[in-house]
């Protein structure tokens, strides 16, 4: 299952809005429950750096979500350091996906 990691740092004062947009994505994911998809978001201890990790089979279901489109709409305006996308290969995880 291919994985993608996205890391970016926000401008001061934008973390709260960013978190609200991310939480909306998770609400929509919980509503739609796409299969073959894992997604996690982390905020680092500086309070401004975020890491998103997604793993999926086939096309990413994020592209279909209204909330994700809203999250992406002004991401560059919120960022001090723009998103860096890195492809990753999973070596292991716990617990293993069902």
Protein backbone atom coordinates (compact mmCIF):
# COMPACT_ATOMS: atom_id res chain seq x y z
CA UNK A 1 0.00 0.00 0.00
CA UNK A 2 1.72 3.24 -1.10
CA UNK A 3 2.02 6.00 1.46
CA UNK A 4 2.49 9.75 1.23
CA UNK A 5 3.78 12.08 3.93
CA UNK A 6 3.11 15.82 3.71
CA UNK A 7 4.86 18.25 6.04
CA UNK A 8 4.35 22.02 6.28
CA UNK A 9 4.77 24.86 8.74
CA UNK A 10 2.09 27.48 9.25
CA UNK A 11 2.45 31.19 9.76
CA UNK A 12 1.79 32.24 13.37
CA UNK A 13 -1.91 32.71 14.02
CA UNK A 14 -3.09 30.09 11.51
CA UNK A 15 -2.90 26.88 13.56
CA UNK A 16 -6.41 27.05 14.99
CA UNK A 17 -8.03 27.51 11.56
CA UNK A 18 -5.85 24.77 10.08
CA UNK A 19 -6.85 22.35 12.85
CA UNK A 20 -10.53 23.13 12.28
CA UNK A 21 -10.17 22.38 8.57
CA UNK A 22 -8.31 19.12 9.30
CA UNK A 23 -10.98 18.04 11.80
CA UNK A 24 -13.64 18.65 9.13
CA UNK A 25 -11.77 16.26 6.81
CA UNK A 26 -11.84 13.60 9.53
CA UNK A 27 -15.56 14.13 10.12
CA UNK A 28 -16.22 13.56 6.42
CA UNK A 29 -13.94 10.49 6.40
CA UNK A 30 -15.87 9.04 9.34
CA UNK A 31 -19.12 9.69 7.46
CA UNK A 32 -17.94 8.17 4.17
CA UNK A 33 -15.69 5.40 5.59
CA UNK A 34 -13.55 4.78 2.49
CA UNK A 35 -12.10 1.28 2.41
CA UNK A 36 -8.41 0.56 1.93
CA UNK A 37 -7.45 3.97 3.33
CA UNK A 38 -5.45 5.03 6.38
CA UNK A 39 -4.83 8.65 7.31
CA UNK A 40 -3.24 10.37 10.28
CA UNK A 41 -2.39 13.99 11.07
CA UNK A 42 0.13 15.18 13.65
CA UNK A 43 0.94 18.62 15.03
CA UNK A 44 4.52 19.00 16.20
CA UNK A 45 5.49 20.60 19.50
CA UNK A 46 6.16 23.98 17.89
CA UNK A 47 2.39 24.22 17.35
CA UNK A 48 2.85 25.29 13.73
CA UNK A 49 4.30 22.26 11.93
CA UNK A 50 1.89 19.59 10.71
CA UNK A 51 2.50 16.16 9.23
CA UNK A 52 -0.15 14.22 7.34
CA UNK A 53 0.40 10.56 6.47
CA UNK A 54 -1.92 8.78 4.06
CA UNK A 55 -1.82 5.21 2.78
CA UNK A 56 -4.30 3.89 0.27
CA UNK A 57 -5.01 1.34 -2.38
CA UNK A 58 -5.81 2.91 -5.76
CA UNK A 59 -6.85 6.54 -5.92
CA UNK A 60 -6.87 8.59 -2.74
CA UNK A 61 -10.42 9.18 -1.47
CA UNK A 62 -9.32 12.59 -0.19
CA UNK A 63 -9.79 14.02 -3.67
CA UNK A 64 -13.51 13.26 -3.41
CA UNK A 65 -14.06 15.09 -0.11
CA UNK A 66 -15.54 18.58 0.01
CA UNK A 67 -13.79 19.19 3.35
CA UNK A 68 -10.40 18.29 1.84
CA UNK A 69 -10.96 20.72 -1.03
CA UNK A 70 -11.72 23.43 1.54
CA UNK A 71 -8.58 22.50 3.50
CA UNK A 72 -6.41 22.75 0.38
CA UNK A 73 -8.03 25.94 -0.95
CA UNK A 74 -5.78 28.42 0.91
CA UNK A 75 -3.06 26.16 2.33
CA UNK A 76 -0.24 28.15 0.74
CA UNK A 77 -1.59 31.39 2.22
CA UNK A 78 -1.57 29.78 5.70
CA UNK A 79 1.95 28.40 5.32
CA UNK A 80 5.29 29.85 6.28
CA UNK A 81 6.94 26.73 4.76
CA UNK A 82 4.90 25.26 1.91
CA UNK A 83 3.90 21.59 1.89
CA UNK A 84 6.61 19.08 1.06
CA UNK A 85 5.23 15.81 -0.31
CA UNK A 86 7.29 12.65 0.21
CA UNK A 87 6.46 9.19 -1.08
CA UNK A 88 7.06 6.46 1.50
CA UNK A 89 7.18 2.69 1.67
CA UNK A 90 5.69 1.11 4.77
CA UNK A 91 8.03 -1.29 6.50
CA UNK A 92 5.61 -2.17 9.28
CA UNK A 93 2.76 -0.86 11.38
CA UNK A 94 0.89 -1.84 14.50
CA UNK A 95 -1.79 -2.90 14.67
CA UNK A 96 -1.87 -4.32 11.18
CA UNK A 97 -4.81 -3.07 9.09
CA UNK A 98 -7.71 -5.52 8.88
